[in-house]
PDB file of N, CA and C in Angstrom:
ATOM      1  N   MET A   1     -15.252  -3.436   0.619  1.00  0.00           N
ATOM      2  CA  MET A   1     -14.416  -2.836   0.219  1.00  0.00           C
ATOM      3  C   MET A   1     -12.931  -3.196   0.263  1.00  0.00           C
ATOM      4  N   PRO A   2     -11.737  -3.545  -0.051  1.00  0.00           N
ATOM      5  CA  PRO A   2     -10.714  -3.745   0.669  1.00  0.00           C
ATOM      6  C   PRO A   2      -9.961  -3.016   1.831  1.00  0.00           C
ATOM      7  N   LEU A   3      -9.444  -4.078   2.357  1.00  0.00           N
ATOM      8  CA  LEU A   3      -8.847  -3.721   3.389  1.00  0.00           C
ATOM      9  C   LEU A   3      -7.242  -3.366   3.285  1.00  0.00           C
ATOM     10  N   VAL A   4      -6.464  -1.994   3.693  1.00  0.00           N
ATOM     11  CA  VAL A   4      -5.460  -2.152   3.435  1.00  0.00           C
ATOM     12  C   VAL A   4      -4.783  -2.213   4.903  1.00  0.00           C
ATOM     13  N   THR A   5      -3.761  -2.455   5.069  1.00  0.00           N
ATOM     14  CA  THR A   5      -3.352  -2.936   6.816  1.00  0.00           C
ATOM     15  C   THR A   5      -1.376  -2.384   6.193  1.00  0.00           C
ATOM     16  N   PHE A   6      -1.221  -1.683   7.523  1.00  0.00           N
ATOM     17  CA  PHE A   6       0.531  -1.476   7.412  1.00  0.00           C
ATOM     18  C   PHE A   6       1.012  -2.187   8.484  1.00  0.00           C
ATOM     19  N   THR A   7       2.539  -2.340   7.881  1.00  0.00           N
ATOM     20  CA  THR A   7       3.618  -3.557   9.223  1.00  0.00           C
ATOM     21  C   THR A   7       3.489  -2.966  10.484  1.00  0.00           C
ATOM     22  N   ALA A   8       3.915  -3.238  11.785  1.00  0.00           N
ATOM     23  CA  ALA A   8       3.857  -2.286  12.720  1.00  0.00           C
ATOM     24  C   ALA A   8       4.888  -1.569  13.211  1.00  0.00           C
ATOM     25  N   THR A   9       6.103  -1.671  12.072  1.00  0.00           N
ATOM     26  CA  THR A   9       7.191  -1.119  11.675  1.00  0.00           C
ATOM     27  C   THR A   9       6.536   0.868  11.435  1.00  0.00           C
ATOM     28  N   LEU A  10       6.016   0.119  10.415  1.00  0.00           N
ATOM     29  CA  LEU A  10       5.278   1.656   9.780  1.00  0.00           C
ATOM     30  C   LEU A  10       4.237   2.555  10.906  1.00  0.00           C
ATOM     31  N   ARG A  11       3.481   1.622  11.585  1.00  0.00           N
ATOM     32  CA  ARG A  11       2.272   2.207  11.987  1.00  0.00           C
ATOM     33  C   ARG A  11       3.326   2.839  13.338  1.00  0.00           C
ATOM     34  N   ARG A  12       4.388   3.076  13.622  1.00  0.00           N
ATOM     35  CA  ARG A  12       5.172   3.022  14.594  1.00  0.00           C
ATOM     36  C   ARG A  12       5.717   4.095  14.211  1.00  0.00           C
ATOM     37  N   HIS A  13       5.883   4.708  13.298  1.00  0.00           N
ATOM     38  CA  HIS A  13       6.348   5.974  12.625  1.00  0.00           C
ATOM     39  C   HIS A  13       5.256   7.229  11.768  1.00  0.00           C
ATOM     40  N   LEU A  14       4.225   6.425  11.642  1.00  0.00           N
ATOM     41  CA  LEU A  14       3.285   7.216  11.217  1.00  0.00           C
ATOM     42  C   LEU A  14       1.877   6.606  11.344  1.00  0.00           C
ATOM     43  N   ASP A  15       0.924   7.567  11.568  1.00  0.00           N
ATOM     44  CA  ASP A  15      -0.339   7.180  12.161  1.00  0.00           C
ATOM     45  C   ASP A  15      -0.969   6.196  10.532  1.00  0.00           C
ATOM     46  N   ALA A  16      -1.124   5.316  10.790  1.00  0.00           N
ATOM     47  CA  ALA A  16      -1.506   4.287   9.621  1.00  0.00           C
ATOM     48  C   ALA A  16      -2.218   2.959  10.527  1.00  0.00           C
ATOM     49  N   PRO A  17      -3.665   3.282  10.564  1.00  0.00           N
ATOM     50  CA  PRO A  17      -4.426   1.973  10.833  1.00  0.00           C
ATOM     51  C   PRO A  17      -5.140   1.241   9.726  1.00  0.00           C
ATOM     52  N   PRO A  18      -5.324   0.285  10.077  1.00  0.00           N
ATOM     53  CA  PRO A  18      -5.950  -0.342   8.942  1.00  0.00           C
ATOM     54  C   PRO A  18      -7.577   0.441   8.544  1.00  0.00           C
ATOM     55  N   ALA A  19      -7.362   0.317   7.117  1.00  0.00           N
ATOM     56  CA  ALA A  19      -8.511   0.847   6.802  1.00  0.00           C
ATOM     57  C   ALA A  19      -9.013  -0.020   5.892  1.00  0.00           C
ATOM     58  N   GLU A  20     -10.645  -0.014   6.193  1.00  0.00           N
ATOM     59  CA  GLU A  20     -11.362  -0.564   4.653  1.00  0.00           C
ATOM     60  C   GLU A  20     -11.298   0.731   3.649  1.00  0.00           C
ATOM     61  N   VAL A  21     -11.003   0.697   2.138  1.00  0.00           N
ATOM     62  CA  VAL A  21     -11.303   1.721   1.520  1.00  0.00           C
ATOM     63  C   VAL A  21     -11.984   1.294   0.063  1.00  0.00           C
ATOM     64  N   PRO A  22     -12.857   2.186  -0.696  1.00  0.00           N
ATOM     65  CA  PRO A  22     -13.101   2.025  -1.765  1.00  0.00           C
ATOM     66  C   PRO A  22     -11.651   2.284  -3.235  1.00  0.00           C
ATOM     67  N   GLY A  23     -11.875   1.018  -3.978  1.00  0.00           N
ATOM     68  CA  GLY A  23     -10.940   0.935  -5.144  1.00  0.00           C
ATOM     69  C   GLY A  23     -11.135  -0.767  -6.025  1.00  0.00           C
ATOM     70  N   GLY A  24     -10.974  -0.521  -7.333  1.00  0.00           N
ATOM     71  CA  GLY A  24     -10.667  -1.445  -7.738  1.00  0.00           C
ATOM     72  C   GLY A  24      -9.370  -1.881  -8.414  1.00  0.00           C
ATOM     73  N   THR A  25      -8.302  -1.315  -8.139  1.00  0.00           N
ATOM     74  CA  THR A  25      -6.494  -1.479  -8.524  1.00  0.00           C
ATOM     75  C   THR A  25      -5.985  -1.332  -7.168  1.00  0.00           C
ATOM     76  N   VAL A  26      -4.788  -1.379  -6.943  1.00  0.00           N
ATOM     77  CA  VAL A  26      -3.983  -1.196  -5.845  1.00  0.00           C
ATOM     78  C   VAL A  26      -3.929   0.292  -5.738  1.00  0.00           C
ATOM     79  N   ARG A  27      -3.257   0.766  -6.772  1.00  0.00           N
ATOM     80  CA  ARG A  27      -3.673   2.487  -7.020  1.00  0.00           C
ATOM     81  C   ARG A  27      -4.806   3.129  -5.997  1.00  0.00           C
ATOM     82  N   GLU A  28      -5.988   3.083  -6.793  1.00  0.00           N
ATOM     83  CA  GLU A  28      -7.281   3.084  -5.843  1.00  0.00           C
ATOM     84  C   GLU A  28      -7.302   3.051  -4.832  1.00  0.00           C
ATOM     85  N   ALA A  29      -7.230   2.479  -4.162  1.00  0.00           N
ATOM     86  CA  ALA A  29      -7.365   1.998  -2.442  1.00  0.00           C
ATOM     87  C   ALA A  29      -6.148   2.319  -2.140  1.00  0.00           C
ATOM     88  N   LEU A  30      -5.099   2.525  -2.347  1.00  0.00           N
ATOM     89  CA  LEU A  30      -4.160   3.265  -1.613  1.00  0.00           C
ATOM     90  C   LEU A  30      -3.937   4.532  -1.726  1.00  0.00           C
ATOM     91  N   GLU A  31      -4.784   4.890  -2.740  1.00  0.00           N
ATOM     92  CA  GLU A  31      -4.795   6.992  -2.771  1.00  0.00           C
ATOM     93  C   GLU A  31      -5.768   7.041  -1.455  1.00  0.00           C
ATOM     94  N   ALA A  32      -6.759   5.990  -1.560  1.00  0.00           N
ATOM     95  CA  ALA A  32      -8.161   6.340  -0.774  1.00  0.00           C
ATOM     96  C   ALA A  32      -7.323   6.226   0.708  1.00  0.00           C
ATOM     97  N   ALA A  33      -6.455   5.381   0.694  1.00  0.00           N
ATOM     98  CA  ALA A  33      -5.771   4.929   2.103  1.00  0.00           C
ATOM     99  C   ALA A  33      -4.813   6.462   3.129  1.00  0.00           C
ATOM    100  N   PHE A  34      -4.304   6.811   1.828  1.00  0.00           N
ATOM    101  CA  PHE A  34      -3.551   8.455   1.664  1.00  0.00           C
ATOM    102  C   PHE A  34      -4.287   9.189   2.098  1.00  0.00           C
ATOM    103  N   ARG A  35      -5.602   9.172   1.703  1.00  0.00           N
ATOM    104  CA  ARG A  35      -6.430  10.815   2.379  1.00  0.00           C
ATOM    105  C   ARG A  35      -6.322  10.694   3.531  1.00  0.00           C
ATOM    106  N   GLY A  36      -6.629   9.601   4.340  1.00  0.00           N
ATOM    107  CA  GLY A  36      -6.627   9.782   5.642  1.00  0.00           C
ATOM    108  C   GLY A  36      -5.340  10.483   6.025  1.00  0.00           C
ATOM    109  N   ASN A  37      -4.262  10.087   5.159  1.00  0.00           N
ATOM    110  CA  ASN A  37      -2.802  10.233   6.080  1.00  0.00           C
ATOM    111  C   ASN A  37      -1.750  10.912   5.047  1.00  0.00           C
ATOM    112  N   PRO A  38      -1.457  12.067   4.563  1.00  0.00           N
ATOM    113  CA  PRO A  38      -0.907  12.350   3.169  1.00  0.00           C
ATOM    114  C   PRO A  38       0.282  11.856   3.598  1.00  0.00           C
ATOM    115  N   ARG A  39       1.359  11.758   4.333  1.00  0.00           N
ATOM    116  CA  ARG A  39       2.373  11.656   5.042  1.00  0.00           C
ATOM    117  C   ARG A  39       2.899  10.393   4.545  1.00  0.00           C
ATOM    118  N   LEU A  40       1.944   9.296   4.665  1.00  0.00           N
ATOM    119  CA  LEU A  40       2.092   8.045   3.911  1.00  0.00           C
ATOM    120  C   LEU A  40       2.228   7.774   2.841  1.00  0.00           C
ATOM    121  N   ARG A  41       1.387   8.224   1.999  1.00  0.00           N
ATOM    122  CA  ARG A  41       1.874   8.290   0.437  1.00  0.00           C
ATOM    123  C   ARG A  41       3.211   8.589  -0.098  1.00  0.00           C
ATOM    124  N   GLY A  42       3.821   9.798   0.295  1.00  0.00           N
ATOM    125  CA  GLY A  42       5.629   9.800   0.664  1.00  0.00           C
ATOM    126  C   GLY A  42       6.398   9.086   1.187  1.00  0.00           C
ATOM    127  N   TYR A  43       5.950   8.262   1.786  1.00  0.00           N
ATOM    128  CA  TYR A  43       6.515   6.896   2.598  1.00  0.00           C
ATOM    129  C   TYR A  43       6.547   5.950   1.596  1.00  0.00           C
ATOM    130  N   VAL A  44       5.198   5.933   0.764  1.00  0.00           N
ATOM    131  CA  VAL A  44       5.215   4.675   0.085  1.00  0.00           C
ATOM    132  C   VAL A  44       5.190   4.565  -1.295  1.00  0.00           C
ATOM    133  N   LEU A  45       5.080   6.035  -1.869  1.00  0.00           N
ATOM    134  CA  LEU A  45       5.538   6.011  -3.313  1.00  0.00           C
ATOM    135  C   LEU A  45       6.382   7.092  -3.735  1.00  0.00           C
ATOM    136  N   ASP A  46       7.371   6.923  -4.535  1.00  0.00           N
ATOM    137  CA  ASP A  46       7.982   8.161  -5.124  1.00  0.00           C
ATOM    138  C   ASP A  46       7.571   9.342  -5.802  1.00  0.00           C
ATOM    139  N   ASP A  47       8.705   9.872  -6.224  1.00  0.00           N
ATOM    140  CA  ASP A  47       7.774  11.006  -6.769  1.00  0.00           C
ATOM    141  C   ASP A  47       6.597  10.993  -8.178  1.00  0.00           C
ATOM    142  N   GLN A  48       7.599   9.916  -9.039  1.00  0.00           N
ATOM    143  CA  GLN A  48       6.559  10.048 -10.509  1.00  0.00           C
ATOM    144  C   GLN A  48       5.163   8.672  -9.723  1.00  0.00           C
ATOM    145  N   GLY A  49       5.406   8.433  -8.852  1.00  0.00           N
ATOM    146  CA  GLY A  49       3.605   7.520  -7.868  1.00  0.00           C
ATOM    147  C   GLY A  49       4.158   6.166  -7.996  1.00  0.00           C
ATOM    148  N   ARG A  50       5.103   5.739  -8.127  1.00  0.00           N
ATOM    149  CA  ARG A  50       5.675   3.866  -7.817  1.00  0.00           C
ATOM    150  C   ARG A  50       6.067   3.491  -7.137  1.00  0.00           C
ATOM    151  N   LEU A  51       5.887   2.723  -6.458  1.00  0.00           N
ATOM    152  CA  LEU A  51       6.205   2.052  -5.358  1.00  0.00           C
ATOM    153  C   LEU A  51       7.736   2.665  -4.999  1.00  0.00           C
ATOM    154  N   ARG A  52       7.928   2.666  -3.776  1.00  0.00           N
ATOM    155  CA  ARG A  52       9.341   3.160  -3.574  1.00  0.00           C
ATOM    156  C   ARG A  52      10.409   1.615  -3.484  1.00  0.00           C
ATOM    157  N   LYS A  53      11.237   1.681  -3.461  1.00  0.00           N
ATOM    158  CA  LYS A  53      12.441  -0.190  -3.335  1.00  0.00           C
ATOM    159  C   LYS A  53      12.003  -0.537  -2.551  1.00  0.00           C
ATOM    160  N   HIS A  54      11.992   0.303  -1.367  1.00  0.00           N
ATOM    161  CA  HIS A  54      11.989  -0.635   0.486  1.00  0.00           C
ATOM    162  C   HIS A  54      10.535  -0.542   0.224  1.00  0.00           C
ATOM    163  N   VAL A  55       9.694  -0.481  -0.497  1.00  0.00           N
ATOM    164  CA  VAL A  55       8.020  -0.902   0.015  1.00  0.00           C
ATOM    165  C   VAL A  55       7.639  -2.125  -0.262  1.00  0.00           C
ATOM    166  N   ALA A  56       7.363  -3.012  -0.548  1.00  0.00           N
ATOM    167  CA  ALA A  56       6.447  -4.384  -1.184  1.00  0.00           C
ATOM    168  C   ALA A  56       4.940  -4.114  -0.775  1.00  0.00           C
ATOM    169  N   VAL A  57       4.577  -4.401  -1.578  1.00  0.00           N
ATOM    170  CA  VAL A  57       2.867  -4.748  -1.006  1.00  0.00           C
ATOM    171  C   VAL A  57       2.367  -5.885  -1.867  1.00  0.00           C
ATOM    172  N   PHE A  58       1.726  -6.490  -1.176  1.00  0.00           N
ATOM    173  CA  PHE A  58       1.101  -7.625  -1.551  1.00  0.00           C
ATOM    174  C   PHE A  58      -0.511  -7.717  -1.014  1.00  0.00           C
ATOM    175  N   VAL A  59      -1.150  -8.228  -2.341  1.00  0.00           N
ATOM    176  CA  VAL A  59      -2.776  -8.370  -2.334  1.00  0.00           C
ATOM    177  C   VAL A  59      -3.240  -9.971  -2.217  1.00  0.00           C
ATOM    178  N   ASP A  60      -3.791 -10.250  -1.486  1.00  0.00           N
ATOM    179  CA  ASP A  60      -4.683 -11.642  -1.308  1.00  0.00           C
ATOM    180  C   ASP A  60      -3.605 -12.534  -1.049  1.00  0.00           C
ATOM    181  N   GLY A  61      -2.286 -12.089  -0.080  1.00  0.00           N
ATOM    182  CA  GLY A  61      -1.044 -12.819  -0.088  1.00  0.00           C
ATOM    183  C   GLY A  61      -0.016 -12.935  -1.507  1.00  0.00           C
ATOM    184  N   ALA A  62      -0.799 -12.205  -2.456  1.00  0.00           N
ATOM    185  CA  ALA A  62       0.304 -12.292  -3.653  1.00  0.00           C
ATOM    186  C   ALA A  62       1.447 -10.806  -3.746  1.00  0.00           C
ATOM    187  N   LEU A  63       2.257 -11.036  -3.856  1.00  0.00           N
ATOM    188  CA  LEU A  63       3.124  -9.771  -4.293  1.00  0.00           C
ATOM    189  C   LEU A  63       2.152  -9.262  -5.848  1.00  0.00           C
ATOM    190  N   VAL A  64       2.105  -7.401  -5.480  1.00  0.00           N
ATOM    191  CA  VAL A  64       1.948  -6.742  -6.439  1.00  0.00           C
ATOM    192  C   VAL A  64       3.098  -6.858  -8.054  1.00  0.00           C
ATOM    193  N   ILE A  65       2.610  -7.032  -9.294  1.00  0.00           N
ATOM    194  CA  ILE A  65       3.536  -7.039  -9.907  1.00  0.00           C
ATOM    195  C   ILE A  65       3.457  -5.597 -10.583  1.00  0.00           C
ATOM    196  N   ASP A  66       2.730  -5.085 -10.757  1.00  0.00           N
ATOM    197  CA  ASP A  66       2.377  -3.997 -11.290  1.00  0.00           C
ATOM    198  C   ASP A  66       3.086  -2.263 -10.375  1.00  0.00           C
ATOM    199  N   ARG A  67       4.704  -2.506 -10.060  1.00  0.00           N
ATOM    200  CA  ARG A  67       5.193  -1.835  -9.072  1.00  0.00           C
ATOM    201  C   ARG A  67       5.076  -0.171  -9.956  1.00  0.00           C
ATOM    202  N   ASP A  68       4.638   0.134 -11.029  1.00  0.00           N
ATOM    203  CA  ASP A  68       5.260   1.439 -11.488  1.00  0.00           C
ATOM    204  C   ASP A  68       3.322   1.835 -11.288  1.00  0.00           C
ATOM    205  N   GLY A  69       2.543   1.295 -12.252  1.00  0.00           N
ATOM    206  CA  GLY A  69       1.182   1.615 -12.656  1.00  0.00           C
ATOM    207  C   GLY A  69       0.228   1.275 -11.135  1.00  0.00           C
ATOM    208  N   LEU A  70       0.406   0.294 -10.657  1.00  0.00           N
ATOM    209  CA  LEU A  70      -0.248   0.104  -9.170  1.00  0.00           C
ATOM    210  C   LEU A  70      -1.515  -0.638  -9.817  1.00  0.00           C
ATOM    211  N   ALA A  71      -1.627  -0.817 -11.395  1.00  0.00           N
ATOM    212  CA  ALA A  71      -3.263  -1.526 -11.918  1.00  0.00           C
ATOM    213  C   ALA A  71      -3.483  -2.831 -11.690  1.00  0.00           C
ATOM    214  N   ASP A  72      -2.542  -3.987 -10.461  1.00  0.00           N
ATOM    215  CA  ASP A  72      -3.361  -5.173 -10.301  1.00  0.00           C
ATOM    216  C   ASP A  72      -4.295  -4.823  -9.700  1.00  0.00           C
ATOM    217  N   PRO A  73      -5.788  -5.707  -9.790  1.00  0.00           N
ATOM    218  CA  PRO A  73      -7.101  -5.390  -9.525  1.00  0.00           C
ATOM    219  C   PRO A  73      -6.632  -5.858  -8.362  1.00  0.00           C
ATOM    220  N   VAL A  74      -7.889  -5.585  -7.521  1.00  0.00           N
ATOM    221  CA  VAL A  74      -8.532  -5.931  -5.757  1.00  0.00           C
ATOM    222  C   VAL A  74      -9.838  -6.334  -5.935  1.00  0.00           C
ATOM    223  N   ARG A  75     -10.275  -6.928  -5.203  1.00  0.00           N
ATOM    224  CA  ARG A  75     -11.843  -7.278  -5.364  1.00  0.00           C
ATOM    225  C   ARG A  75     -12.576  -6.828  -3.588  1.00  0.00           C
ATOM    226  N   PRO A  76     -13.946  -6.507  -3.793  1.00  0.00           N
ATOM    227  CA  PRO A  76     -14.329  -6.145  -2.502  1.00  0.00           C
ATOM    228  C   PRO A  76     -13.856  -7.026  -1.481  1.00  0.00           C
ATOM    229  N   GLY A  77     -13.383  -6.932  -0.557  1.00  0.00           N
ATOM    230  CA  GLY A  77     -12.597  -8.063   0.523  1.00  0.00           C
ATOM    231  C   GLY A  77     -10.884  -8.526   0.407  1.00  0.00           C
ATOM    232  N   SER A  78     -10.546  -7.945  -0.433  1.00  0.00           N
ATOM    233  CA  SER A  78      -9.441  -8.145  -0.415  1.00  0.00           C
ATOM    234  C   SER A  78      -8.500  -7.993   0.370  1.00  0.00           C
ATOM    235  N   GLY A  79      -7.745  -8.437   0.768  1.00  0.00           N
ATOM    236  CA  GLY A  79      -6.288  -7.636   1.410  1.00  0.00           C
ATOM    237  C   GLY A  79      -5.509  -7.062   1.232  1.00  0.00           C
ATOM    238  N   ILE A  80      -4.688  -5.684   1.608  1.00  0.00           N
ATOM    239  CA  ILE A  80      -3.845  -4.987   0.922  1.00  0.00           C
ATOM    240  C   ILE A  80      -3.037  -5.346   2.128  1.00  0.00           C
ATOM    241  N   HIS A  81      -1.632  -5.809   1.831  1.00  0.00           N
ATOM    242  CA  HIS A  81      -0.541  -5.246   3.080  1.00  0.00           C
ATOM    243  C   HIS A  81       0.396  -4.784   2.454  1.00  0.00           C
ATOM    244  N   VAL A  82       0.841  -3.702   3.459  1.00  0.00           N
ATOM    245  CA  VAL A  82       2.173  -2.870   2.247  1.00  0.00           C
ATOM    246  C   VAL A  82       3.014  -2.742   3.712  1.00  0.00           C
ATOM    247  N   MET A  83       4.274  -3.533   3.304  1.00  0.00           N
ATOM    248  CA  MET A  83       5.236  -3.507   4.163  1.00  0.00           C
ATOM    249  C   MET A  83       6.675  -3.105   3.407  1.00  0.00           C
ATOM    250  N   GLN A  84       7.510  -3.042   4.559  1.00  0.00           N
ATOM    251  CA  GLN A  84       8.852  -2.672   4.147  1.00  0.00           C
ATOM    252  C   GLN A  84       9.643  -3.923   3.565  1.00  0.00           C
ATOM    253  N   ALA A  85      10.225  -3.648   1.954  1.00  0.00           N
ATOM    254  CA  ALA A  85      10.788  -4.858   1.416  1.00  0.00           C
ATOM    255  C   ALA A  85      12.374  -5.199   2.358  1.00  0.00           C
ATOM    256  N   LEU A  86      12.788  -6.034   1.964  1.00  0.00           N
ATOM    257  CA  LEU A  86      13.948  -6.354   3.274  1.00  0.00           C
ATOM    258  C   LEU A  86      15.378  -5.995   2.523  1.00  0.00           C
ATOM    259  N   SER A  87      16.232  -5.414   2.839  1.00  0.00           N
ATOM    260  CA  SER A  87      17.320  -5.318   2.311  1.00  0.00           C
ATOM    261  C   SER A  87      19.082  -5.082   3.228  1.00  0.00           C
ATOM    262  N   GLY A  88      19.858  -5.016   2.772  1.00  0.00           N
ATOM    263  CA  GLY A  88      20.898  -4.544   3.425  1.00  0.00           C
ATOM    264  C   GLY A  88      21.941  -5.329   2.848  1.00  0.00           C
ATOM    265  N   GLY A  89      23.018  -5.576   3.428  1.00  0.00           N
ATOM    266  CA  GLY A  89      23.855  -6.627   2.883  1.00  0.00           C
ATOM    267  C   GLY A  89      25.136  -6.820   4.134  1.00  0.00           C
TER     268      GLY A  89
END
């Protein structure tokens, strides 16, 4: 099963321990992770279910391409890392 991890900054504000979850796409894996903590969903996804602008997701070290549908494939053993994107000016 894919392993979903969240940055330490996010874990300070929400209960977001690493979790092995079922799923063949980024969306399926994230939705499985959100079942354990519904507040997490609101931080990562907007009201339309797309990644928020300040969030970046990597699968096996590669940035997720489909920020709207989250249809990027994941494999058993994939690492999915959710982090805050750098912003500011």
